[in-house]
Amino acid sequence: MSTLRLEDLKQYSDVLRTRKGEPLNVRFVEPRDTDELQHYFRSLSTRSRYNRFFGALSELPKGLLSEFLDVGARERFSVVATKMVDGFETIVAEARYAFHAETSTLEFGLSVDDRWQGHGIATALLGNLECRAAALGAEHIFGDTLRSNQTMISLARKSGFAFVNHPDDWKLVRFDKEIHVAPKDIPCASWRLAALSRQADSPSASA
């Protein structure tokens, strides 16, 4: 069971930085994001959508959209990275991740708007996901990508992931990384809030 308290999603938001130092807000998806989220996926290039979903999609099907918006259901979470563009909060990247308690692992997938690729957004978002994984109690974080997706493979390699053959699909490659997050660093809101929650629930806290 997750230690996250999802009554107030905004408390888990983080401010990251692009390669040029521009602020990037990473937060859980909210119902108000429905139209903007669909617009985001429709605006991705055909190749980017194919790399993200391993298939030809022009937008999120209704069922998948509902899953994206149902944060925390079955230990699955969706976040968006937004920045102000021409005065409007604009989604420039997204990620979805699932915590598997039985194996203490977190599985993720992400994408970045084609117009904002090359700005260090994916690197920053991936680092944030590692912290969110640690907050959930994960000991490893992993993802799958197409063998042809050299951009994702390069990102994973530079971020310290090890590569293994995918257990079910020869067209995919899996990358895995053991999580090492120092509590003193408090690198994301999820880690800090989870630590406070565990401290409040510990027997010594009520002694």
N, C-alpha and C. Protein backbone atom coordinates (compact mmCIF):
# COMPACT_ATOMS: atom_id res chain seq x y z
N MET A 1 0.84 -1.20 0.00
CA MET A 1 0.00 0.00 0.00
C MET A 1 0.88 1.25 0.00
N SER A 2 0.54 2.19 -0.84
CA SER A 2 1.32 3.41 -0.96
C SER A 2 1.21 4.25 0.30
N THR A 3 2.30 4.93 0.64
CA THR A 3 2.29 5.86 1.77
C THR A 3 1.85 7.25 1.34
N LEU A 4 1.55 7.44 0.06
CA LEU A 4 1.15 8.75 -0.43
C LEU A 4 -0.27 9.09 0.02
N ARG A 5 -0.47 10.34 0.39
CA ARG A 5 -1.79 10.85 0.75
C ARG A 5 -2.30 11.68 -0.42
N LEU A 6 -3.25 11.12 -1.16
CA LEU A 6 -3.62 11.72 -2.44
C LEU A 6 -4.83 12.65 -2.35
N GLU A 7 -5.21 13.04 -1.12
CA GLU A 7 -6.33 13.98 -1.02
C GLU A 7 -5.97 15.33 -1.63
N ASP A 8 -4.70 15.70 -1.55
CA ASP A 8 -4.23 16.97 -2.10
C ASP A 8 -3.06 16.68 -3.03
N LEU A 9 -3.33 16.55 -4.31
CA LEU A 9 -2.30 16.17 -5.28
C LEU A 9 -1.20 17.22 -5.42
N LYS A 10 -1.57 18.49 -5.22
CA LYS A 10 -0.61 19.57 -5.46
C LYS A 10 0.59 19.51 -4.54
N GLN A 11 0.46 18.89 -3.37
CA GLN A 11 1.58 18.86 -2.42
C GLN A 11 2.73 17.99 -2.93
N TYR A 12 2.48 17.19 -3.96
CA TYR A 12 3.52 16.34 -4.52
C TYR A 12 4.19 16.95 -5.74
N SER A 13 3.94 18.21 -5.98
CA SER A 13 4.53 18.89 -7.13
C SER A 13 5.99 19.24 -6.86
N ASP A 14 6.78 19.25 -7.92
CA ASP A 14 8.20 19.60 -7.83
C ASP A 14 8.55 20.61 -8.92
N VAL A 15 9.49 21.47 -8.64
CA VAL A 15 10.00 22.41 -9.63
C VAL A 15 11.38 21.94 -10.06
N LEU A 16 11.51 21.57 -11.32
CA LEU A 16 12.79 21.15 -11.89
C LEU A 16 13.32 22.27 -12.78
N ARG A 17 14.46 22.03 -13.40
CA ARG A 17 15.06 23.03 -14.29
C ARG A 17 15.45 22.39 -15.61
N THR A 18 15.23 23.12 -16.69
CA THR A 18 15.71 22.67 -17.98
C THR A 18 17.22 22.89 -18.04
N ARG A 19 17.82 22.49 -19.12
CA ARG A 19 19.27 22.65 -19.26
C ARG A 19 19.67 24.13 -19.19
N LYS A 20 18.77 25.02 -19.61
CA LYS A 20 19.04 26.45 -19.58
C LYS A 20 18.59 27.11 -18.27
N GLY A 21 18.12 26.29 -17.34
CA GLY A 21 17.72 26.83 -16.05
C GLY A 21 16.28 27.30 -15.98
N GLU A 22 15.49 27.04 -17.01
CA GLU A 22 14.10 27.46 -17.00
C GLU A 22 13.29 26.55 -16.07
N PRO A 23 12.36 27.13 -15.28
CA PRO A 23 11.57 26.32 -14.34
C PRO A 23 10.61 25.38 -15.06
N LEU A 24 10.46 24.21 -14.49
CA LEU A 24 9.61 23.16 -15.04
C LEU A 24 8.82 22.56 -13.89
N ASN A 25 7.51 22.67 -13.93
CA ASN A 25 6.67 22.17 -12.85
C ASN A 25 6.24 20.74 -13.16
N VAL A 26 6.53 19.82 -12.24
CA VAL A 26 6.11 18.43 -12.41
C VAL A 26 5.06 18.13 -11.35
N ARG A 27 3.90 17.71 -11.80
CA ARG A 27 2.77 17.48 -10.88
C ARG A 27 1.93 16.31 -11.36
N PHE A 28 1.11 15.79 -10.45
CA PHE A 28 0.19 14.75 -10.83
C PHE A 28 -0.86 15.30 -11.79
N VAL A 29 -1.31 14.45 -12.69
CA VAL A 29 -2.38 14.82 -13.61
C VAL A 29 -3.67 15.04 -12.81
N GLU A 30 -4.45 16.02 -13.23
CA GLU A 30 -5.74 16.31 -12.60
C GLU A 30 -6.84 16.26 -13.66
N PRO A 31 -8.10 16.10 -13.23
CA PRO A 31 -9.21 16.04 -14.19
C PRO A 31 -9.27 17.23 -15.15
N ARG A 32 -8.81 18.39 -14.66
CA ARG A 32 -8.83 19.59 -15.51
C ARG A 32 -7.87 19.48 -16.69
N ASP A 33 -6.99 18.48 -16.66
CA ASP A 33 -6.00 18.32 -17.72
C ASP A 33 -6.50 17.50 -18.90
N THR A 34 -7.73 17.03 -18.85
CA THR A 34 -8.23 16.10 -19.88
C THR A 34 -7.98 16.60 -21.30
N ASP A 35 -8.47 17.79 -21.61
CA ASP A 35 -8.34 18.32 -22.97
C ASP A 35 -6.89 18.62 -23.32
N GLU A 36 -6.16 19.21 -22.37
CA GLU A 36 -4.77 19.57 -22.63
C GLU A 36 -3.91 18.32 -22.83
N LEU A 37 -4.23 17.26 -22.08
CA LEU A 37 -3.47 16.02 -22.21
C LEU A 37 -3.69 15.40 -23.59
N GLN A 38 -4.94 15.39 -24.04
CA GLN A 38 -5.21 14.87 -25.37
C GLN A 38 -4.53 15.72 -26.44
N HIS A 39 -4.56 17.03 -26.26
CA HIS A 39 -3.89 17.93 -27.21
C HIS A 39 -2.40 17.63 -27.25
N TYR A 40 -1.82 17.37 -26.09
CA TYR A 40 -0.40 17.06 -26.03
C TYR A 40 -0.07 15.83 -26.87
N PHE A 41 -0.82 14.75 -26.67
CA PHE A 41 -0.52 13.52 -27.41
C PHE A 41 -0.81 13.67 -28.91
N ARG A 42 -1.84 14.40 -29.25
CA ARG A 42 -2.13 14.63 -30.67
C ARG A 42 -1.03 15.44 -31.33
N SER A 43 -0.36 16.29 -30.55
CA SER A 43 0.68 17.16 -31.11
C SER A 43 2.02 16.46 -31.27
N LEU A 44 2.18 15.31 -30.62
CA LEU A 44 3.43 14.56 -30.79
C LEU A 44 3.56 14.08 -32.23
N SER A 45 4.78 13.95 -32.69
CA SER A 45 4.99 13.38 -34.02
C SER A 45 4.57 11.91 -34.01
N THR A 46 4.31 11.38 -35.19
CA THR A 46 3.92 9.98 -35.31
C THR A 46 4.97 9.07 -34.69
N ARG A 47 6.24 9.39 -34.92
CA ARG A 47 7.33 8.58 -34.37
C ARG A 47 7.34 8.64 -32.84
N SER A 48 7.14 9.83 -32.28
CA SER A 48 7.16 9.96 -30.83
C SER A 48 6.02 9.19 -30.18
N ARG A 49 4.83 9.24 -30.78
CA ARG A 49 3.71 8.47 -30.25
C ARG A 49 3.98 6.98 -30.36
N TYR A 50 4.56 6.55 -31.47
CA TYR A 50 4.86 5.14 -31.66
C TYR A 50 5.91 4.67 -30.63
N ASN A 51 6.91 5.49 -30.41
CA ASN A 51 7.93 5.14 -29.42
C ASN A 51 7.35 5.06 -28.01
N ARG A 52 6.37 5.92 -27.73
CA ARG A 52 5.78 5.96 -26.38
C ARG A 52 4.87 4.76 -26.12
N PHE A 53 4.07 4.40 -27.12
CA PHE A 53 3.05 3.36 -26.89
C PHE A 53 3.31 2.06 -27.66
N PHE A 54 4.43 1.99 -28.40
CA PHE A 54 4.79 0.81 -29.17
C PHE A 54 3.71 0.44 -30.19
N GLY A 55 3.02 1.45 -30.68
CA GLY A 55 1.96 1.22 -31.65
C GLY A 55 1.47 2.53 -32.21
N ALA A 56 0.62 2.44 -33.22
CA ALA A 56 0.11 3.63 -33.90
C ALA A 56 -1.14 4.16 -33.20
N LEU A 57 -0.97 5.26 -32.46
CA LEU A 57 -2.09 5.94 -31.80
C LEU A 57 -2.07 7.41 -32.22
N SER A 58 -3.24 7.95 -32.49
CA SER A 58 -3.32 9.38 -32.80
C SER A 58 -3.66 10.19 -31.56
N GLU A 59 -4.26 9.52 -30.57
CA GLU A 59 -4.61 10.14 -29.30
C GLU A 59 -4.83 9.04 -28.28
N LEU A 60 -5.07 9.42 -27.03
CA LEU A 60 -5.33 8.42 -26.00
C LEU A 60 -6.74 7.86 -26.16
N PRO A 61 -6.90 6.56 -26.30
CA PRO A 61 -8.25 5.98 -26.31
C PRO A 61 -8.95 6.32 -24.99
N LYS A 62 -10.27 6.29 -25.00
CA LYS A 62 -11.03 6.72 -23.83
C LYS A 62 -10.65 5.96 -22.58
N GLY A 63 -10.46 4.64 -22.70
CA GLY A 63 -10.12 3.84 -21.53
C GLY A 63 -8.76 4.20 -20.97
N LEU A 64 -7.79 4.40 -21.87
CA LEU A 64 -6.44 4.74 -21.44
C LEU A 64 -6.40 6.14 -20.84
N LEU A 65 -7.18 7.05 -21.41
CA LEU A 65 -7.26 8.41 -20.86
C LEU A 65 -7.79 8.36 -19.44
N SER A 66 -8.80 7.54 -19.20
CA SER A 66 -9.36 7.41 -17.84
C SER A 66 -8.31 6.89 -16.88
N GLU A 67 -7.49 5.94 -17.34
CA GLU A 67 -6.43 5.41 -16.49
C GLU A 67 -5.39 6.48 -16.17
N PHE A 68 -5.05 7.30 -17.16
CA PHE A 68 -4.09 8.38 -16.93
C PHE A 68 -4.59 9.33 -15.85
N LEU A 69 -5.90 9.58 -15.84
CA LEU A 69 -6.47 10.57 -14.92
C LEU A 69 -6.74 10.00 -13.53
N ASP A 70 -6.74 8.68 -13.40
CA ASP A 70 -7.07 8.05 -12.12
C ASP A 70 -5.79 7.82 -11.32
N VAL A 71 -5.26 8.89 -10.77
CA VAL A 71 -3.97 8.86 -10.08
C VAL A 71 -4.06 8.01 -8.80
N GLY A 72 -3.15 7.04 -8.68
CA GLY A 72 -3.08 6.23 -7.48
C GLY A 72 -3.84 4.92 -7.57
N ALA A 73 -4.72 4.77 -8.56
CA ALA A 73 -5.48 3.53 -8.69
C ALA A 73 -4.54 2.38 -9.03
N ARG A 74 -4.60 1.31 -8.26
CA ARG A 74 -3.76 0.14 -8.46
C ARG A 74 -2.27 0.51 -8.49
N GLU A 75 -1.91 1.50 -7.67
CA GLU A 75 -0.52 1.96 -7.54
C GLU A 75 0.06 2.44 -8.88
N ARG A 76 -0.80 3.06 -9.68
CA ARG A 76 -0.36 3.65 -10.95
C ARG A 76 -0.56 5.16 -10.90
N PHE A 77 0.41 5.89 -11.44
CA PHE A 77 0.43 7.34 -11.30
C PHE A 77 0.82 7.99 -12.62
N SER A 78 0.26 9.17 -12.88
CA SER A 78 0.61 9.93 -14.07
C SER A 78 1.01 11.34 -13.66
N VAL A 79 2.11 11.83 -14.23
CA VAL A 79 2.55 13.19 -13.98
C VAL A 79 2.74 13.92 -15.30
N VAL A 80 2.61 15.22 -15.25
CA VAL A 80 2.91 16.06 -16.41
C VAL A 80 3.96 17.07 -16.00
N ALA A 81 4.81 17.43 -16.95
CA ALA A 81 5.78 18.51 -16.76
C ALA A 81 5.26 19.70 -17.55
N THR A 82 5.07 20.81 -16.88
CA THR A 82 4.51 21.98 -17.55
C THR A 82 5.44 23.18 -17.40
N LYS A 83 5.33 24.10 -18.34
CA LYS A 83 6.04 25.38 -18.24
C LYS A 83 5.15 26.45 -18.86
N MET A 84 5.41 27.67 -18.50
CA MET A 84 4.62 28.77 -19.03
C MET A 84 5.11 29.10 -20.44
N VAL A 85 4.20 29.05 -21.40
CA VAL A 85 4.49 29.37 -22.79
C VAL A 85 3.46 30.40 -23.26
N ASP A 86 3.94 31.59 -23.59
CA ASP A 86 3.04 32.68 -24.02
C ASP A 86 1.94 32.94 -22.99
N GLY A 87 2.29 32.81 -21.72
CA GLY A 87 1.34 33.12 -20.65
C GLY A 87 0.42 31.99 -20.26
N PHE A 88 0.58 30.81 -20.85
CA PHE A 88 -0.29 29.68 -20.54
C PHE A 88 0.52 28.50 -20.03
N GLU A 89 -0.03 27.81 -19.03
CA GLU A 89 0.60 26.58 -18.56
C GLU A 89 0.47 25.53 -19.65
N THR A 90 1.59 25.02 -20.11
CA THR A 90 1.60 24.11 -21.26
C THR A 90 2.31 22.81 -20.89
N ILE A 91 1.70 21.69 -21.23
CA ILE A 91 2.33 20.39 -20.99
C ILE A 91 3.44 20.19 -22.02
N VAL A 92 4.65 19.97 -21.54
CA VAL A 92 5.78 19.75 -22.44
C VAL A 92 6.35 18.33 -22.32
N ALA A 93 5.89 17.59 -21.31
CA ALA A 93 6.33 16.21 -21.14
C ALA A 93 5.35 15.51 -20.21
N GLU A 94 5.38 14.18 -20.23
CA GLU A 94 4.52 13.40 -19.34
C GLU A 94 5.21 12.10 -18.99
N ALA A 95 4.77 11.51 -17.91
CA ALA A 95 5.28 10.19 -17.52
C ALA A 95 4.18 9.45 -16.77
N ARG A 96 4.19 8.15 -16.92
CA ARG A 96 3.28 7.30 -16.18
C ARG A 96 4.11 6.18 -15.55
N TYR A 97 3.82 5.89 -14.28
CA TYR A 97 4.60 4.87 -13.61
C TYR A 97 3.71 4.00 -12.71
N ALA A 98 4.18 2.78 -12.48
CA ALA A 98 3.43 1.82 -11.68
C ALA A 98 4.38 1.19 -10.66
N PHE A 99 3.94 1.13 -9.42
CA PHE A 99 4.73 0.53 -8.35
C PHE A 99 4.29 -0.92 -8.16
N HIS A 100 5.25 -1.84 -8.25
CA HIS A 100 4.99 -3.26 -8.04
C HIS A 100 5.54 -3.64 -6.67
N ALA A 101 4.66 -3.66 -5.68
CA ALA A 101 5.10 -3.88 -4.30
C ALA A 101 5.72 -5.25 -4.10
N GLU A 102 5.23 -6.25 -4.85
CA GLU A 102 5.72 -7.62 -4.65
C GLU A 102 7.19 -7.78 -5.04
N THR A 103 7.66 -6.92 -5.93
CA THR A 103 9.06 -6.98 -6.35
C THR A 103 9.84 -5.73 -5.97
N SER A 104 9.18 -4.79 -5.30
CA SER A 104 9.80 -3.51 -4.91
C SER A 104 10.42 -2.81 -6.11
N THR A 105 9.68 -2.80 -7.22
CA THR A 105 10.15 -2.16 -8.44
C THR A 105 9.13 -1.13 -8.92
N LEU A 106 9.63 -0.18 -9.68
CA LEU A 106 8.77 0.81 -10.31
C LEU A 106 9.01 0.79 -11.81
N GLU A 107 7.94 0.64 -12.57
CA GLU A 107 8.00 0.63 -14.03
C GLU A 107 7.49 1.95 -14.56
N PHE A 108 8.14 2.50 -15.58
CA PHE A 108 7.73 3.81 -16.07
C PHE A 108 7.82 3.91 -17.59
N GLY A 109 7.13 4.90 -18.11
CA GLY A 109 7.24 5.31 -19.51
C GLY A 109 7.09 6.81 -19.55
N LEU A 110 7.75 7.46 -20.51
CA LEU A 110 7.66 8.93 -20.58
C LEU A 110 7.78 9.40 -22.02
N SER A 111 7.40 10.64 -22.22
CA SER A 111 7.57 11.28 -23.53
C SER A 111 7.78 12.77 -23.33
N VAL A 112 8.39 13.40 -24.33
CA VAL A 112 8.62 14.85 -24.32
C VAL A 112 8.12 15.40 -25.64
N ASP A 113 7.43 16.51 -25.57
CA ASP A 113 6.96 17.20 -26.78
C ASP A 113 8.12 17.39 -27.74
N ASP A 114 7.92 17.05 -29.02
CA ASP A 114 9.00 17.16 -30.01
C ASP A 114 9.64 18.55 -30.03
N ARG A 115 8.84 19.57 -29.81
CA ARG A 115 9.35 20.94 -29.86
C ARG A 115 10.25 21.27 -28.67
N TRP A 116 10.18 20.46 -27.62
CA TRP A 116 10.96 20.73 -26.42
C TRP A 116 12.02 19.68 -26.16
N GLN A 117 12.22 18.78 -27.09
CA GLN A 117 13.29 17.80 -26.95
C GLN A 117 14.64 18.50 -27.12
N GLY A 118 15.63 18.00 -26.41
CA GLY A 118 16.96 18.60 -26.47
C GLY A 118 17.18 19.69 -25.44
N HIS A 119 16.21 19.89 -24.53
CA HIS A 119 16.33 20.92 -23.50
C HIS A 119 16.67 20.34 -22.13
N GLY A 120 16.94 19.04 -22.07
CA GLY A 120 17.25 18.42 -20.78
C GLY A 120 16.03 18.07 -19.96
N ILE A 121 14.85 18.14 -20.56
CA ILE A 121 13.61 17.87 -19.82
C ILE A 121 13.50 16.39 -19.45
N ALA A 122 13.80 15.51 -20.39
CA ALA A 122 13.69 14.07 -20.11
C ALA A 122 14.66 13.66 -19.01
N THR A 123 15.87 14.21 -19.03
CA THR A 123 16.85 13.90 -17.99
C THR A 123 16.36 14.34 -16.62
N ALA A 124 15.83 15.55 -16.54
CA ALA A 124 15.32 16.07 -15.27
C ALA A 124 14.12 15.25 -14.79
N LEU A 125 13.23 14.92 -15.72
CA LEU A 125 12.04 14.16 -15.35
C LEU A 125 12.40 12.76 -14.88
N LEU A 126 13.36 12.14 -15.54
CA LEU A 126 13.78 10.80 -15.14
C LEU A 126 14.39 10.81 -13.74
N GLY A 127 15.18 11.81 -13.43
CA GLY A 127 15.72 11.93 -12.08
C GLY A 127 14.63 12.10 -11.04
N ASN A 128 13.60 12.86 -11.39
CA ASN A 128 12.47 13.05 -10.49
C ASN A 128 11.71 11.74 -10.28
N LEU A 129 11.58 10.95 -11.33
CA LEU A 129 10.90 9.66 -11.22
C LEU A 129 11.65 8.72 -10.28
N GLU A 130 12.97 8.77 -10.31
CA GLU A 130 13.76 7.94 -9.41
C GLU A 130 13.44 8.29 -7.96
N CYS A 131 13.30 9.57 -7.68
CA CYS A 131 12.98 10.00 -6.33
C CYS A 131 11.56 9.57 -5.94
N ARG A 132 10.62 9.73 -6.87
CA ARG A 132 9.25 9.30 -6.60
C ARG A 132 9.18 7.79 -6.37
N ALA A 133 10.02 7.06 -7.09
CA ALA A 133 10.07 5.61 -6.91
C ALA A 133 10.55 5.27 -5.50
N ALA A 134 11.61 5.96 -5.05
CA ALA A 134 12.14 5.73 -3.71
C ALA A 134 11.09 6.04 -2.64
N ALA A 135 10.29 7.08 -2.87
CA ALA A 135 9.26 7.46 -1.92
C ALA A 135 8.21 6.36 -1.76
N LEU A 136 7.99 5.60 -2.83
CA LEU A 136 7.01 4.51 -2.78
C LEU A 136 7.60 3.24 -2.19
N GLY A 137 8.92 3.21 -1.99
CA GLY A 137 9.56 2.03 -1.45
C GLY A 137 10.21 1.14 -2.48
N ALA A 138 10.33 1.63 -3.71
CA ALA A 138 10.94 0.83 -4.78
C ALA A 138 12.45 0.76 -4.58
N GLU A 139 13.02 -0.40 -4.90
CA GLU A 139 14.47 -0.59 -4.84
C GLU A 139 15.10 -0.56 -6.23
N HIS A 140 14.28 -0.78 -7.24
CA HIS A 140 14.73 -0.72 -8.63
C HIS A 140 13.69 0.04 -9.45
N ILE A 141 14.16 0.72 -10.49
CA ILE A 141 13.29 1.39 -11.44
C ILE A 141 13.63 0.87 -12.83
N PHE A 142 12.62 0.57 -13.64
CA PHE A 142 12.91 0.03 -14.96
C PHE A 142 11.90 0.53 -15.99
N GLY A 143 12.29 0.43 -17.24
CA GLY A 143 11.42 0.79 -18.34
C GLY A 143 11.72 -0.07 -19.55
N ASP A 144 10.83 -0.06 -20.50
CA ASP A 144 11.00 -0.77 -21.76
C ASP A 144 10.96 0.22 -22.91
N THR A 145 11.71 -0.03 -23.95
CA THR A 145 11.64 0.81 -25.13
C THR A 145 11.94 -0.02 -26.37
N LEU A 146 11.57 0.50 -27.50
CA LEU A 146 11.87 -0.17 -28.76
C LEU A 146 13.38 -0.15 -29.01
N ARG A 147 13.89 -1.22 -29.58
CA ARG A 147 15.32 -1.27 -29.88
C ARG A 147 15.73 -0.17 -30.86
N SER A 148 14.75 0.32 -31.62
CA SER A 148 15.03 1.38 -32.59
C SER A 148 15.00 2.77 -31.97
N ASN A 149 14.56 2.89 -30.70
CA ASN A 149 14.44 4.20 -30.05
C ASN A 149 15.78 4.59 -29.42
N GLN A 150 16.70 5.05 -30.26
CA GLN A 150 18.05 5.38 -29.79
C GLN A 150 18.06 6.56 -28.82
N THR A 151 17.10 7.45 -28.93
CA THR A 151 17.04 8.60 -28.02
C THR A 151 16.80 8.14 -26.59
N MET A 152 15.83 7.24 -26.40
CA MET A 152 15.53 6.74 -25.06
C MET A 152 16.66 5.85 -24.55
N ILE A 153 17.24 5.05 -25.42
CA ILE A 153 18.35 4.19 -25.03
C ILE A 153 19.54 5.02 -24.57
N SER A 154 19.83 6.10 -25.29
CA SER A 154 20.93 6.98 -24.92
C SER A 154 20.66 7.66 -23.57
N LEU A 155 19.41 8.12 -23.37
CA LEU A 155 19.04 8.76 -22.10
C LEU A 155 19.22 7.78 -20.94
N ALA A 156 18.74 6.55 -21.12
CA ALA A 156 18.84 5.56 -20.05
C ALA A 156 20.30 5.23 -19.75
N ARG A 157 21.10 5.11 -20.79
CA ARG A 157 22.52 4.78 -20.60
C ARG A 157 23.23 5.91 -19.83
N LYS A 158 22.97 7.16 -20.23
CA LYS A 158 23.60 8.30 -19.56
C LYS A 158 23.12 8.44 -18.12
N SER A 159 21.92 7.92 -17.84
CA SER A 159 21.35 8.03 -16.49
C SER A 159 21.72 6.86 -15.60
N GLY A 160 22.59 5.97 -16.11
CA GLY A 160 23.11 4.90 -15.28
C GLY A 160 22.32 3.61 -15.26
N PHE A 161 21.43 3.43 -16.25
CA PHE A 161 20.65 2.20 -16.32
C PHE A 161 21.46 1.09 -16.99
N ALA A 162 21.19 -0.14 -16.58
CA ALA A 162 21.79 -1.32 -17.21
C ALA A 162 20.74 -1.93 -18.14
N PHE A 163 21.20 -2.54 -19.22
CA PHE A 163 20.29 -3.08 -20.23
C PHE A 163 20.25 -4.60 -20.18
N VAL A 164 19.02 -5.12 -20.34
CA VAL A 164 18.82 -6.56 -20.39
C VAL A 164 17.82 -6.86 -21.50
N ASN A 165 17.79 -8.11 -21.94
CA ASN A 165 16.80 -8.51 -22.94
C ASN A 165 15.41 -8.47 -22.33
N HIS A 166 14.44 -8.05 -23.14
CA HIS A 166 13.06 -8.04 -22.66
C HIS A 166 12.57 -9.48 -22.54
N PRO A 167 11.86 -9.82 -21.47
CA PRO A 167 11.45 -11.21 -21.27
C PRO A 167 10.36 -11.71 -22.23
N ASP A 168 9.63 -10.79 -22.87
CA ASP A 168 8.48 -11.22 -23.67
C ASP A 168 8.51 -10.78 -25.13
N ASP A 169 9.26 -9.75 -25.47
CA ASP A 169 9.17 -9.18 -26.81
C ASP A 169 10.57 -8.83 -27.33
N TRP A 170 11.00 -9.50 -28.40
CA TRP A 170 12.35 -9.28 -28.92
C TRP A 170 12.52 -7.89 -29.51
N LYS A 171 11.43 -7.20 -29.84
CA LYS A 171 11.52 -5.85 -30.42
C LYS A 171 11.83 -4.81 -29.35
N LEU A 172 11.73 -5.18 -28.08
CA LEU A 172 11.93 -4.25 -26.98
C LEU A 172 13.23 -4.56 -26.24
N VAL A 173 13.74 -3.55 -25.57
CA VAL A 173 14.87 -3.73 -24.67
C VAL A 173 14.46 -3.15 -23.32
N ARG A 174 14.88 -3.78 -22.26
CA ARG A 174 14.55 -3.31 -20.91
C ARG A 174 15.79 -2.68 -20.27
N PHE A 175 15.58 -1.58 -19.56
CA PHE A 175 16.67 -0.94 -18.83
C PHE A 175 16.28 -0.82 -17.36
N ASP A 176 17.23 -1.10 -16.48
CA ASP A 176 16.94 -1.23 -15.05
C ASP A 176 18.04 -0.52 -14.25
N LYS A 177 17.64 0.04 -13.11
CA LYS A 177 18.60 0.74 -12.27
C LYS A 177 18.24 0.57 -10.80
N GLU A 178 19.24 0.27 -10.00
CA GLU A 178 19.03 0.22 -8.57
C GLU A 178 18.95 1.66 -8.04
N ILE A 179 18.02 1.89 -7.12
CA ILE A 179 17.76 3.24 -6.64
C ILE A 179 18.61 3.55 -5.42
N HIS A 180 19.32 4.66 -5.47
CA HIS A 180 20.09 5.14 -4.34
C HIS A 180 19.72 6.61 -4.12
N VAL A 181 18.90 6.88 -3.13
CA VAL A 181 18.52 8.26 -2.82
C VAL A 181 18.84 8.52 -1.35
N ALA A 182 19.65 9.52 -1.10
CA ALA A 182 20.03 9.86 0.28
C ALA A 182 18.93 10.70 0.92
N PRO A 183 18.38 10.27 2.06
CA PRO A 183 17.31 11.02 2.71
C PRO A 183 17.66 12.48 3.00
N LYS A 184 18.93 12.72 3.30
CA LYS A 184 19.32 14.10 3.65
C LYS A 184 19.16 15.05 2.47
N ASP A 185 19.13 14.49 1.25
CA ASP A 185 19.03 15.35 0.08
C ASP A 185 17.61 15.85 -0.14
N ILE A 186 16.60 15.11 0.36
CA ILE A 186 15.19 15.41 0.13
C ILE A 186 14.99 15.94 -1.30
N PRO A 187 15.26 15.11 -2.31
CA PRO A 187 15.25 15.60 -3.68
C PRO A 187 13.88 15.80 -4.33
N CYS A 188 12.81 15.39 -3.66
CA CYS A 188 11.49 15.64 -4.24
C CYS A 188 10.45 15.66 -3.12
N ALA A 189 9.31 16.28 -3.40
CA ALA A 189 8.25 16.41 -2.40
C ALA A 189 7.72 15.05 -1.98
N SER A 190 7.63 14.10 -2.92
CA SER A 190 7.10 12.78 -2.58
C SER A 190 7.95 12.10 -1.52
N TRP A 191 9.27 12.22 -1.64
CA TRP A 191 10.18 11.62 -0.65
C TRP A 191 9.97 12.26 0.71
N ARG A 192 9.94 13.59 0.74
CA ARG A 192 9.78 14.30 2.01
C ARG A 192 8.47 13.95 2.69
N LEU A 193 7.37 13.92 1.93
CA LEU A 193 6.06 13.64 2.51
C LEU A 193 5.93 12.19 2.94
N ALA A 194 6.52 11.29 2.16
CA ALA A 194 6.49 9.88 2.55
C ALA A 194 7.28 9.66 3.83
N ALA A 195 8.42 10.34 3.95
CA ALA A 195 9.24 10.22 5.17
C ALA A 195 8.48 10.74 6.38
N LEU A 196 7.80 11.87 6.23
CA LEU A 196 7.02 12.42 7.33
C LEU A 196 5.88 11.49 7.71
N SER A 197 5.26 10.86 6.70
CA SER A 197 4.16 9.93 6.95
C SER A 197 4.64 8.71 7.73
N ARG A 198 5.79 8.16 7.29
CA ARG A 198 6.32 7.00 7.99
C ARG A 198 6.73 7.34 9.42
N GLN A 199 7.25 8.55 9.59
CA GLN A 199 7.65 8.99 10.93
C GLN A 199 6.43 9.12 11.84
N ALA A 200 5.34 9.66 11.28
CA ALA A 200 4.11 9.83 12.08
C ALA A 200 3.48 8.50 12.44
N ASP A 201 3.65 7.50 11.55
CA ASP A 201 3.03 6.19 11.78
C ASP A 201 3.88 5.26 12.62
N SER A 202 5.13 5.64 12.89
CA SER A 202 6.02 4.76 13.63
C SER A 202 5.64 4.72 15.11
N PRO A 203 5.86 3.57 15.81
CA PRO A 203 5.50 3.46 17.21
C PRO A 203 6.16 4.51 18.09
N SER A 204 7.41 4.88 17.78
CA SER A 204 8.11 5.86 18.60
C SER A 204 7.47 7.23 18.53
N ALA A 205 6.75 7.51 17.42
CA ALA A 205 6.13 8.82 17.25
C ALA A 205 4.98 9.02 18.23
N SER A 206 4.33 7.92 18.63
CA SER A 206 3.19 8.04 19.54
C SER A 206 3.55 7.67 20.98
N ALA A 207 4.83 7.38 21.18
CA ALA A 207 5.26 6.96 22.53
C ALA A 207 5.27 8.15 23.49
